[in-house]
Amino acid sequence: IFMSVFAYALPVKETKLKAQNWAPDT
């Protein structure tokens, strides 16, 4: 239980979408 709560509470490093050839608004 402790490890589950700890793992859930631990911040996950967000990965941001690459701009590449996306339309800017999209």
mmCIF file of all heavy atoms, coordinates in Angstrom:
data_MODEL
# 
_entry.id   MODEL 
# 
loop_
_atom_site.group_PDB 
_atom_site.id 
_atom_site.type_symbol 
_atom_site.label_atom_id 
_atom_site.label_alt_id 
_atom_site.label_comp_id 
_atom_site.label_asym_id 
_atom_site.label_entity_id 
_atom_site.label_seq_id 
_atom_site.pdbx_PDB_ins_code 
_atom_site.Cartn_x 
_atom_site.Cartn_y 
_atom_site.Cartn_z 
_atom_site.occupancy 
_atom_site.B_iso_or_equiv 
_atom_site.pdbx_formal_charge 
_atom_site.auth_seq_id 
_atom_site.auth_comp_id 
_atom_site.auth_asym_id 
_atom_site.auth_atom_id 
_atom_site.pdbx_PDB_model_num 
ATOM 1   N N   . ILE A 1 1  ? 0.845  -1.208 0.000   1.00 0.00 ? 1  ILE A N   1 
ATOM 2   C CA  . ILE A 1 1  ? 0.000  0.000  0.000   1.00 0.00 ? 1  ILE A CA  1 
ATOM 3   C C   . ILE A 1 1  ? 0.872  1.246  0.000   1.00 0.00 ? 1  ILE A C   1 
ATOM 4   O O   . ILE A 1 1  ? 0.640  2.201  -0.747  1.00 0.00 ? 1  ILE A O   1 
ATOM 5   C CB  . ILE A 1 1  ? -0.954 -0.007 1.212   1.00 0.00 ? 1  ILE A CB  1 
ATOM 6   C CG1 . ILE A 1 1  ? -1.975 -1.136 1.065   1.00 0.00 ? 1  ILE A CG1 1 
ATOM 7   C CG2 . ILE A 1 1  ? -1.653 1.334  1.354   1.00 0.00 ? 1  ILE A CG2 1 
ATOM 8   C CD1 . ILE A 1 1  ? -2.818 -1.365 2.303   1.00 0.00 ? 1  ILE A CD1 1 
ATOM 9   N N   . PHE A 1 2  ? 1.907  1.239  0.867   1.00 0.00 ? 2  PHE A N   1 
ATOM 10  C CA  . PHE A 1 2  ? 2.811  2.381  0.947   1.00 0.00 ? 2  PHE A CA  1 
ATOM 11  C C   . PHE A 1 2  ? 3.474  2.664  -0.394  1.00 0.00 ? 2  PHE A C   1 
ATOM 12  O O   . PHE A 1 2  ? 3.527  3.813  -0.860  1.00 0.00 ? 2  PHE A O   1 
ATOM 13  C CB  . PHE A 1 2  ? 3.879  2.117  2.014   1.00 0.00 ? 2  PHE A CB  1 
ATOM 14  C CG  . PHE A 1 2  ? 4.958  3.158  2.030   1.00 0.00 ? 2  PHE A CG  1 
ATOM 15  C CD1 . PHE A 1 2  ? 4.752  4.402  2.619   1.00 0.00 ? 2  PHE A CD1 1 
ATOM 16  C CD2 . PHE A 1 2  ? 6.193  2.912  1.439   1.00 0.00 ? 2  PHE A CD2 1 
ATOM 17  C CE1 . PHE A 1 2  ? 5.755  5.370  2.620   1.00 0.00 ? 2  PHE A CE1 1 
ATOM 18  C CE2 . PHE A 1 2  ? 7.193  3.868  1.431   1.00 0.00 ? 2  PHE A CE2 1 
ATOM 19  C CZ  . PHE A 1 2  ? 6.970  5.102  2.028   1.00 0.00 ? 2  PHE A CZ  1 
ATOM 20  N N   . MET A 1 3  ? 3.978  1.613  -1.035  1.00 0.00 ? 3  MET A N   1 
ATOM 21  C CA  . MET A 1 3  ? 4.661  1.788  -2.320  1.00 0.00 ? 3  MET A CA  1 
ATOM 22  C C   . MET A 1 3  ? 3.709  2.263  -3.406  1.00 0.00 ? 3  MET A C   1 
ATOM 23  O O   . MET A 1 3  ? 4.073  3.066  -4.271  1.00 0.00 ? 3  MET A O   1 
ATOM 24  C CB  . MET A 1 3  ? 5.335  0.475  -2.744  1.00 0.00 ? 3  MET A CB  1 
ATOM 25  C CG  . MET A 1 3  ? 6.535  0.090  -1.880  1.00 0.00 ? 3  MET A CG  1 
ATOM 26  S SD  . MET A 1 3  ? 7.803  1.374  -1.818  1.00 0.00 ? 3  MET A SD  1 
ATOM 27  C CE  . MET A 1 3  ? 8.332  1.421  -3.523  1.00 0.00 ? 3  MET A CE  1 
ATOM 28  N N   . SER A 1 4  ? 2.460  1.776  -3.370  1.00 0.00 ? 4  SER A N   1 
ATOM 29  C CA  . SER A 1 4  ? 1.476  2.204  -4.363  1.00 0.00 ? 4  SER A CA  1 
ATOM 30  C C   . SER A 1 4  ? 1.174  3.685  -4.210  1.00 0.00 ? 4  SER A C   1 
ATOM 31  O O   . SER A 1 4  ? 1.121  4.436  -5.186  1.00 0.00 ? 4  SER A O   1 
ATOM 32  C CB  . SER A 1 4  ? 0.190  1.383  -4.226  1.00 0.00 ? 4  SER A CB  1 
ATOM 33  O OG  . SER A 1 4  ? 0.438  0.031  -4.489  1.00 0.00 ? 4  SER A OG  1 
ATOM 34  N N   . VAL A 1 5  ? 0.964  4.111  -2.955  1.00 0.00 ? 5  VAL A N   1 
ATOM 35  C CA  . VAL A 1 5  ? 0.682  5.530  -2.692  1.00 0.00 ? 5  VAL A CA  1 
ATOM 36  C C   . VAL A 1 5  ? 1.881  6.381  -3.063  1.00 0.00 ? 5  VAL A C   1 
ATOM 37  O O   . VAL A 1 5  ? 1.765  7.436  -3.687  1.00 0.00 ? 5  VAL A O   1 
ATOM 38  C CB  . VAL A 1 5  ? 0.303  5.733  -1.205  1.00 0.00 ? 5  VAL A CB  1 
ATOM 39  C CG1 . VAL A 1 5  ? 0.210  7.216  -0.883  1.00 0.00 ? 5  VAL A CG1 1 
ATOM 40  C CG2 . VAL A 1 5  ? -1.014 5.042  -0.907  1.00 0.00 ? 5  VAL A CG2 1 
ATOM 41  N N   . PHE A 1 6  ? 3.077  5.894  -2.711  1.00 0.00 ? 6  PHE A N   1 
ATOM 42  C CA  . PHE A 1 6  ? 4.300  6.628  -3.023  1.00 0.00 ? 6  PHE A CA  1 
ATOM 43  C C   . PHE A 1 6  ? 4.493  6.786  -4.527  1.00 0.00 ? 6  PHE A C   1 
ATOM 44  O O   . PHE A 1 6  ? 4.795  7.861  -5.035  1.00 0.00 ? 6  PHE A O   1 
ATOM 45  C CB  . PHE A 1 6  ? 5.497  5.904  -2.414  1.00 0.00 ? 6  PHE A CB  1 
ATOM 46  C CG  . PHE A 1 6  ? 6.819  6.570  -2.689  1.00 0.00 ? 6  PHE A CG  1 
ATOM 47  C CD1 . PHE A 1 6  ? 7.199  7.718  -2.020  1.00 0.00 ? 6  PHE A CD1 1 
ATOM 48  C CD2 . PHE A 1 6  ? 7.674  6.046  -3.654  1.00 0.00 ? 6  PHE A CD2 1 
ATOM 49  C CE1 . PHE A 1 6  ? 8.410  8.334  -2.291  1.00 0.00 ? 6  PHE A CE1 1 
ATOM 50  C CE2 . PHE A 1 6  ? 8.885  6.651  -3.928  1.00 0.00 ? 6  PHE A CE2 1 
ATOM 51  C CZ  . PHE A 1 6  ? 9.254  7.804  -3.240  1.00 0.00 ? 6  PHE A CZ  1 
ATOM 52  N N   . ALA A 1 7  ? 4.271  5.683  -5.246  1.00 0.00 ? 7  ALA A N   1 
ATOM 53  C CA  . ALA A 1 7  ? 4.435  5.714  -6.702  1.00 0.00 ? 7  ALA A CA  1 
ATOM 54  C C   . ALA A 1 7  ? 3.414  6.627  -7.346  1.00 0.00 ? 7  ALA A C   1 
ATOM 55  O O   . ALA A 1 7  ? 3.708  7.347  -8.307  1.00 0.00 ? 7  ALA A O   1 
ATOM 56  C CB  . ALA A 1 7  ? 4.306  4.303  -7.269  1.00 0.00 ? 7  ALA A CB  1 
ATOM 57  N N   . TYR A 1 8  ? 2.182  6.606  -6.811  1.00 0.00 ? 8  TYR A N   1 
ATOM 58  C CA  . TYR A 1 8  ? 1.128  7.451  -7.380  1.00 0.00 ? 8  TYR A CA  1 
ATOM 59  C C   . TYR A 1 8  ? 1.414  8.924  -7.109  1.00 0.00 ? 8  TYR A C   1 
ATOM 60  O O   . TYR A 1 8  ? 1.164  9.787  -7.936  1.00 0.00 ? 8  TYR A O   1 
ATOM 61  C CB  . TYR A 1 8  ? -0.221 7.061  -6.786  1.00 0.00 ? 8  TYR A CB  1 
ATOM 62  C CG  . TYR A 1 8  ? -1.378 7.885  -7.296  1.00 0.00 ? 8  TYR A CG  1 
ATOM 63  C CD1 . TYR A 1 8  ? -1.787 7.787  -8.624  1.00 0.00 ? 8  TYR A CD1 1 
ATOM 64  C CD2 . TYR A 1 8  ? -2.054 8.763  -6.462  1.00 0.00 ? 8  TYR A CD2 1 
ATOM 65  C CE1 . TYR A 1 8  ? -2.839 8.533  -9.109  1.00 0.00 ? 8  TYR A CE1 1 
ATOM 66  C CE2 . TYR A 1 8  ? -3.100 9.522  -6.928  1.00 0.00 ? 8  TYR A CE2 1 
ATOM 67  C CZ  . TYR A 1 8  ? -3.503 9.402  -8.256  1.00 0.00 ? 8  TYR A CZ  1 
ATOM 68  O OH  . TYR A 1 8  ? -4.543 10.153 -8.729  1.00 0.00 ? 8  TYR A OH  1 
ATOM 69  N N   . ALA A 1 9  ? 1.956  9.208  -5.908  1.00 0.00 ? 9  ALA A N   1 
ATOM 70  C CA  . ALA A 1 9  ? 2.199  10.599 -5.521  1.00 0.00 ? 9  ALA A CA  1 
ATOM 71  C C   . ALA A 1 9  ? 3.457  11.163 -6.166  1.00 0.00 ? 9  ALA A C   1 
ATOM 72  O O   . ALA A 1 9  ? 3.602  12.371 -6.307  1.00 0.00 ? 9  ALA A O   1 
ATOM 73  C CB  . ALA A 1 9  ? 2.314  10.700 -4.004  1.00 0.00 ? 9  ALA A CB  1 
ATOM 74  N N   . LEU A 1 10 ? 4.353  10.295 -6.561  1.00 0.00 ? 10 LEU A N   1 
ATOM 75  C CA  . LEU A 1 10 ? 5.617  10.744 -7.146  1.00 0.00 ? 10 LEU A CA  1 
ATOM 76  C C   . LEU A 1 10 ? 5.370  11.436 -8.480  1.00 0.00 ? 10 LEU A C   1 
ATOM 77  O O   . LEU A 1 10 ? 4.755  10.855 -9.374  1.00 0.00 ? 10 LEU A O   1 
ATOM 78  C CB  . LEU A 1 10 ? 6.541  9.546  -7.363  1.00 0.00 ? 10 LEU A CB  1 
ATOM 79  C CG  . LEU A 1 10 ? 7.987  9.855  -7.767  1.00 0.00 ? 10 LEU A CG  1 
ATOM 80  C CD1 . LEU A 1 10 ? 8.717  10.532 -6.610  1.00 0.00 ? 10 LEU A CD1 1 
ATOM 81  C CD2 . LEU A 1 10 ? 8.694  8.582  -8.173  1.00 0.00 ? 10 LEU A CD2 1 
ATOM 82  N N   . PRO A 1 11 ? 5.799  12.666 -8.660  1.00 0.00 ? 11 PRO A N   1 
ATOM 83  C CA  . PRO A 1 11 ? 5.565  13.359 -9.927  1.00 0.00 ? 11 PRO A CA  1 
ATOM 84  C C   . PRO A 1 11 ? 6.208  12.633 -11.102 1.00 0.00 ? 11 PRO A C   1 
ATOM 85  O O   . PRO A 1 11 ? 7.311  12.123 -10.988 1.00 0.00 ? 11 PRO A O   1 
ATOM 86  C CB  . PRO A 1 11 ? 6.229  14.732 -9.704  1.00 0.00 ? 11 PRO A CB  1 
ATOM 87  C CG  . PRO A 1 11 ? 6.340  14.878 -8.217  1.00 0.00 ? 11 PRO A CG  1 
ATOM 88  C CD  . PRO A 1 11 ? 6.509  13.500 -7.685  1.00 0.00 ? 11 PRO A CD  1 
ATOM 89  N N   . VAL A 1 12 ? 5.476  12.577 -12.187 1.00 0.00 ? 12 VAL A N   1 
ATOM 90  C CA  . VAL A 1 12 ? 5.993  11.983 -13.408 1.00 0.00 ? 12 VAL A CA  1 
ATOM 91  C C   . VAL A 1 12 ? 6.458  13.111 -14.321 1.00 0.00 ? 12 VAL A C   1 
ATOM 92  O O   . VAL A 1 12 ? 5.750  14.101 -14.506 1.00 0.00 ? 12 VAL A O   1 
ATOM 93  C CB  . VAL A 1 12 ? 4.908  11.143 -14.110 1.00 0.00 ? 12 VAL A CB  1 
ATOM 94  C CG1 . VAL A 1 12 ? 5.425  10.629 -15.450 1.00 0.00 ? 12 VAL A CG1 1 
ATOM 95  C CG2 . VAL A 1 12 ? 4.486  9.994  -13.219 1.00 0.00 ? 12 VAL A CG2 1 
ATOM 96  N N   . LYS A 1 13 ? 7.619  12.973 -14.870 1.00 0.00 ? 13 LYS A N   1 
ATOM 97  C CA  . LYS A 1 13 ? 8.126  13.996 -15.767 1.00 0.00 ? 13 LYS A CA  1 
ATOM 98  C C   . LYS A 1 13 ? 7.267  14.047 -17.021 1.00 0.00 ? 13 LYS A C   1 
ATOM 99  O O   . LYS A 1 13 ? 7.169  13.077 -17.758 1.00 0.00 ? 13 LYS A O   1 
ATOM 100 C CB  . LYS A 1 13 ? 9.582  13.698 -16.144 1.00 0.00 ? 13 LYS A CB  1 
ATOM 101 C CG  . LYS A 1 13 ? 10.203 14.782 -17.004 1.00 0.00 ? 13 LYS A CG  1 
ATOM 102 C CD  . LYS A 1 13 ? 11.643 14.452 -17.349 1.00 0.00 ? 13 LYS A CD  1 
ATOM 103 C CE  . LYS A 1 13 ? 12.245 15.534 -18.249 1.00 0.00 ? 13 LYS A CE  1 
ATOM 104 N NZ  . LYS A 1 13 ? 13.631 15.209 -18.638 1.00 0.00 ? 13 LYS A NZ  1 
ATOM 105 N N   . GLU A 1 14 ? 6.638  15.191 -17.239 1.00 0.00 ? 14 GLU A N   1 
ATOM 106 C CA  . GLU A 1 14 ? 5.775  15.333 -18.408 1.00 0.00 ? 14 GLU A CA  1 
ATOM 107 C C   . GLU A 1 14 ? 6.623  15.426 -19.675 1.00 0.00 ? 14 GLU A C   1 
ATOM 108 O O   . GLU A 1 14 ? 7.658  16.080 -19.701 1.00 0.00 ? 14 GLU A O   1 
ATOM 109 C CB  . GLU A 1 14 ? 4.898  16.576 -18.284 1.00 0.00 ? 14 GLU A CB  1 
ATOM 110 C CG  . GLU A 1 14 ? 3.791  16.445 -17.250 1.00 0.00 ? 14 GLU A CG  1 
ATOM 111 C CD  . GLU A 1 14 ? 2.881  17.663 -17.245 1.00 0.00 ? 14 GLU A CD  1 
ATOM 112 O OE1 . GLU A 1 14 ? 3.083  18.553 -18.090 1.00 0.00 ? 14 GLU A OE1 1 
ATOM 113 O OE2 . GLU A 1 14 ? 1.975  17.720 -16.400 1.00 0.00 ? 14 GLU A OE2 1 
ATOM 114 N N   . THR A 1 15 ? 6.165  14.769 -20.718 1.00 0.00 ? 15 THR A N   1 
ATOM 115 C CA  . THR A 1 15 ? 6.794  14.876 -22.029 1.00 0.00 ? 15 THR A CA  1 
ATOM 116 C C   . THR A 1 15 ? 5.929  15.783 -22.882 1.00 0.00 ? 15 THR A C   1 
ATOM 117 O O   . THR A 1 15 ? 4.734  15.521 -23.048 1.00 0.00 ? 15 THR A O   1 
ATOM 118 C CB  . THR A 1 15 ? 6.913  13.490 -22.688 1.00 0.00 ? 15 THR A CB  1 
ATOM 119 O OG1 . THR A 1 15 ? 7.627  12.625 -21.815 1.00 0.00 ? 15 THR A OG1 1 
ATOM 120 C CG2 . THR A 1 15 ? 7.636  13.593 -24.018 1.00 0.00 ? 15 THR A CG2 1 
ATOM 121 N N   . LYS A 1 16 ? 6.501  16.822 -23.404 1.00 0.00 ? 16 LYS A N   1 
ATOM 122 C CA  . LYS A 1 16 ? 5.741  17.757 -24.217 1.00 0.00 ? 16 LYS A CA  1 
ATOM 123 C C   . LYS A 1 16 ? 5.798  17.345 -25.677 1.00 0.00 ? 16 LYS A C   1 
ATOM 124 O O   . LYS A 1 16 ? 6.809  16.842 -26.164 1.00 0.00 ? 16 LYS A O   1 
ATOM 125 C CB  . LYS A 1 16 ? 6.280  19.180 -24.057 1.00 0.00 ? 16 LYS A CB  1 
ATOM 126 C CG  . LYS A 1 16 ? 5.407  20.239 -24.720 1.00 0.00 ? 16 LYS A CG  1 
ATOM 127 C CD  . LYS A 1 16 ? 5.898  21.633 -24.421 1.00 0.00 ? 16 LYS A CD  1 
ATOM 128 C CE  . LYS A 1 16 ? 4.986  22.670 -25.084 1.00 0.00 ? 16 LYS A CE  1 
ATOM 129 N NZ  . LYS A 1 16 ? 5.451  24.049 -24.835 1.00 0.00 ? 16 LYS A NZ  1 
ATOM 130 N N   . LEU A 1 17 ? 4.694  17.532 -26.358 1.00 0.00 ? 17 LEU A N   1 
ATOM 131 C CA  . LEU A 1 17 ? 4.596  17.211 -27.778 1.00 0.00 ? 17 LEU A CA  1 
ATOM 132 C C   . LEU A 1 17 ? 5.570  18.067 -28.579 1.00 0.00 ? 17 LEU A C   1 
ATOM 133 O O   . LEU A 1 17 ? 5.687  19.271 -28.347 1.00 0.00 ? 17 LEU A O   1 
ATOM 134 C CB  . LEU A 1 17 ? 3.159  17.454 -28.245 1.00 0.00 ? 17 LEU A CB  1 
ATOM 135 C CG  . LEU A 1 17 ? 2.760  16.931 -29.621 1.00 0.00 ? 17 LEU A CG  1 
ATOM 136 C CD1 . LEU A 1 17 ? 2.777  15.413 -29.643 1.00 0.00 ? 17 LEU A CD1 1 
ATOM 137 C CD2 . LEU A 1 17 ? 1.372  17.446 -29.989 1.00 0.00 ? 17 LEU A CD2 1 
ATOM 138 N N   . LYS A 1 18 ? 6.268  17.461 -29.530 1.00 0.00 ? 18 LYS A N   1 
ATOM 139 C CA  . LYS A 1 18 ? 7.155  18.214 -30.415 1.00 0.00 ? 18 LYS A CA  1 
ATOM 140 C C   . LYS A 1 18 ? 6.342  18.976 -31.447 1.00 0.00 ? 18 LYS A C   1 
ATOM 141 O O   . LYS A 1 18 ? 5.332  18.471 -31.943 1.00 0.00 ? 18 LYS A O   1 
ATOM 142 C CB  . LYS A 1 18 ? 8.122  17.262 -31.128 1.00 0.00 ? 18 LYS A CB  1 
ATOM 143 C CG  . LYS A 1 18 ? 9.091  16.542 -30.193 1.00 0.00 ? 18 LYS A CG  1 
ATOM 144 C CD  . LYS A 1 18 ? 9.956  15.562 -30.973 1.00 0.00 ? 18 LYS A CD  1 
ATOM 145 C CE  . LYS A 1 18 ? 10.883 14.787 -30.050 1.00 0.00 ? 18 LYS A CE  1 
ATOM 146 N NZ  . LYS A 1 18 ? 11.684 13.779 -30.796 1.00 0.00 ? 18 LYS A NZ  1 
ATOM 147 N N   . ALA A 1 19 ? 6.791  20.160 -31.793 1.00 0.00 ? 19 ALA A N   1 
ATOM 148 C CA  . ALA A 1 19 ? 6.054  20.998 -32.753 1.00 0.00 ? 19 ALA A CA  1 
ATOM 149 C C   . ALA A 1 19 ? 6.045  20.385 -34.146 1.00 0.00 ? 19 ALA A C   1 
ATOM 150 O O   . ALA A 1 19 ? 5.012  20.382 -34.829 1.00 0.00 ? 19 ALA A O   1 
ATOM 151 C CB  . ALA A 1 19 ? 6.658  22.402 -32.802 1.00 0.00 ? 19 ALA A CB  1 
ATOM 152 N N   . GLN A 1 20 ? 7.192  19.871 -34.581 1.00 0.00 ? 20 GLN A N   1 
ATOM 153 C CA  . GLN A 1 20 ? 7.334  19.243 -35.896 1.00 0.00 ? 20 GLN A CA  1 
ATOM 154 C C   . GLN A 1 20 ? 6.551  20.017 -36.972 1.00 0.00 ? 20 GLN A C   1 
ATOM 155 O O   . GLN A 1 20 ? 6.746  21.215 -37.135 1.00 0.00 ? 20 GLN A O   1 
ATOM 156 C CB  . GLN A 1 20 ? 6.911  17.776 -35.802 1.00 0.00 ? 20 GLN A CB  1 
ATOM 157 C CG  . GLN A 1 20 ? 7.857  16.941 -34.925 1.00 0.00 ? 20 GLN A CG  1 
ATOM 158 C CD  . GLN A 1 20 ? 7.417  15.522 -34.732 1.00 0.00 ? 20 GLN A CD  1 
ATOM 159 O OE1 . GLN A 1 20 ? 6.396  15.262 -34.089 1.00 0.00 ? 20 GLN A OE1 1 
ATOM 160 N NE2 . GLN A 1 20 ? 8.178  14.572 -35.261 1.00 0.00 ? 20 GLN A NE2 1 
ATOM 161 N N   . ASN A 1 21 ? 5.656  19.330 -37.713 1.00 0.00 ? 21 ASN A N   1 
ATOM 162 C CA  . ASN A 1 21 ? 4.895  20.012 -38.765 1.00 0.00 ? 21 ASN A CA  1 
ATOM 163 C C   . ASN A 1 21 ? 3.411  20.155 -38.427 1.00 0.00 ? 21 ASN A C   1 
ATOM 164 O O   . ASN A 1 21 ? 2.570  20.204 -39.319 1.00 0.00 ? 21 ASN A O   1 
ATOM 165 C CB  . ASN A 1 21 ? 5.047  19.274 -40.097 1.00 0.00 ? 21 ASN A CB  1 
ATOM 166 C CG  . ASN A 1 21 ? 6.392  19.538 -40.743 1.00 0.00 ? 21 ASN A CG  1 
ATOM 167 O OD1 . ASN A 1 21 ? 6.884  20.668 -40.745 1.00 0.00 ? 21 ASN A OD1 1 
ATOM 168 N ND2 . ASN A 1 21 ? 7.014  18.500 -41.268 1.00 0.00 ? 21 ASN A ND2 1 
ATOM 169 N N   . TRP A 1 22 ? 3.090  20.230 -37.136 1.00 0.00 ? 22 TRP A N   1 
ATOM 170 C CA  . TRP A 1 22 ? 1.700  20.459 -36.752 1.00 0.00 ? 22 TRP A CA  1 
ATOM 171 C C   . TRP A 1 22 ? 1.257  21.865 -37.151 1.00 0.00 ? 22 TRP A C   1 
ATOM 172 O O   . TRP A 1 22 ? 2.039  22.814 -37.076 1.00 0.00 ? 22 TRP A O   1 
ATOM 173 C CB  . TRP A 1 22 ? 1.528  20.314 -35.235 1.00 0.00 ? 22 TRP A CB  1 
ATOM 174 C CG  . TRP A 1 22 ? 1.623  18.919 -34.713 1.00 0.00 ? 22 TRP A CG  1 
ATOM 175 C CD1 . TRP A 1 22 ? 2.648  18.381 -33.986 1.00 0.00 ? 22 TRP A CD1 1 
ATOM 176 C CD2 . TRP A 1 22 ? 0.647  17.881 -34.858 1.00 0.00 ? 22 TRP A CD2 1 
ATOM 177 N NE1 . TRP A 1 22 ? 2.385  17.076 -33.684 1.00 0.00 ? 22 TRP A NE1 1 
ATOM 178 C CE2 . TRP A 1 22 ? 1.154  16.732 -34.197 1.00 0.00 ? 22 TRP A CE2 1 
ATOM 179 C CE3 . TRP A 1 22 ? -0.604 17.806 -35.479 1.00 0.00 ? 22 TRP A CE3 1 
ATOM 180 C CZ2 . TRP A 1 22 ? 0.457  15.528 -34.130 1.00 0.00 ? 22 TRP A CZ2 1 
ATOM 181 C CZ3 . TRP A 1 22 ? -1.299 16.607 -35.412 1.00 0.00 ? 22 TRP A CZ3 1 
ATOM 182 C CH2 . TRP A 1 22 ? -0.778 15.488 -34.753 1.00 0.00 ? 22 TRP A CH2 1 
ATOM 183 N N   . ALA A 1 23 ? -0.013 21.990 -37.556 1.00 0.00 ? 23 ALA A N   1 
ATOM 184 C CA  . ALA A 1 23 ? -0.609 23.317 -37.701 1.00 0.00 ? 23 ALA A CA  1 
ATOM 185 C C   . ALA A 1 23 ? -0.574 23.983 -36.326 1.00 0.00 ? 23 ALA A C   1 
ATOM 186 O O   . ALA A 1 23 ? -0.878 23.329 -35.320 1.00 0.00 ? 23 ALA A O   1 
ATOM 187 C CB  . ALA A 1 23 ? -2.043 23.196 -38.211 1.00 0.00 ? 23 ALA A CB  1 
ATOM 188 N N   . PRO A 1 24 ? -0.202 25.264 -36.212 1.00 0.00 ? 24 PRO A N   1 
ATOM 189 C CA  . PRO A 1 24 ? -0.005 25.899 -34.898 1.00 0.00 ? 24 PRO A CA  1 
ATOM 190 C C   . PRO A 1 24 ? -1.191 25.770 -33.945 1.00 0.00 ? 24 PRO A C   1 
ATOM 191 O O   . PRO A 1 24 ? -1.006 25.431 -32.766 1.00 0.00 ? 24 PRO A O   1 
ATOM 192 C CB  . PRO A 1 24 ? 0.264  27.363 -35.259 1.00 0.00 ? 24 PRO A CB  1 
ATOM 193 C CG  . PRO A 1 24 ? 0.899  27.288 -36.611 1.00 0.00 ? 24 PRO A CG  1 
ATOM 194 C CD  . PRO A 1 24 ? 0.202  26.158 -37.317 1.00 0.00 ? 24 PRO A CD  1 
ATOM 195 N N   . ASP A 1 25 ? -2.417 26.037 -34.420 1.00 0.00 ? 25 ASP A N   1 
ATOM 196 C CA  . ASP A 1 25 ? -3.594 25.932 -33.550 1.00 0.00 ? 25 ASP A CA  1 
ATOM 197 C C   . ASP A 1 25 ? -3.822 24.491 -33.090 1.00 0.00 ? 25 ASP A C   1 
ATOM 198 O O   . ASP A 1 25 ? -4.190 24.233 -31.939 1.00 0.00 ? 25 ASP A O   1 
ATOM 199 C CB  . ASP A 1 25 ? -4.847 26.436 -34.279 1.00 0.00 ? 25 ASP A CB  1 
ATOM 200 C CG  . ASP A 1 25 ? -5.052 27.922 -34.086 1.00 0.00 ? 25 ASP A CG  1 
ATOM 201 O OD1 . ASP A 1 25 ? -4.115 28.589 -33.610 1.00 0.00 ? 25 ASP A OD1 1 
ATOM 202 O OD2 . ASP A 1 25 ? -6.139 28.431 -34.409 1.00 0.00 ? 25 ASP A OD2 1 
ATOM 203 N N   . THR A 1 26 ? -3.619 23.554 -34.000 1.00 0.00 ? 26 THR A N   1 
ATOM 204 C CA  . THR A 1 26 ? -3.803 22.144 -33.683 1.00 0.00 ? 26 THR A CA  1 
ATOM 205 C C   . THR A 1 26 ? -2.775 21.695 -32.655 1.00 0.00 ? 26 THR A C   1 
ATOM 206 O O   . THR A 1 26 ? -3.107 20.995 -31.687 1.00 0.00 ? 26 THR A O   1 
ATOM 207 C CB  . THR A 1 26 ? -3.696 21.298 -34.966 1.00 0.00 ? 26 THR A CB  1 
ATOM 208 O OG1 . THR A 1 26 ? -4.654 21.767 -35.915 1.00 0.00 ? 26 THR A OG1 1 
ATOM 209 C CG2 . THR A 1 26 ? -3.949 19.829 -34.687 1.00 0.00 ? 26 THR A CG2 1 
# 
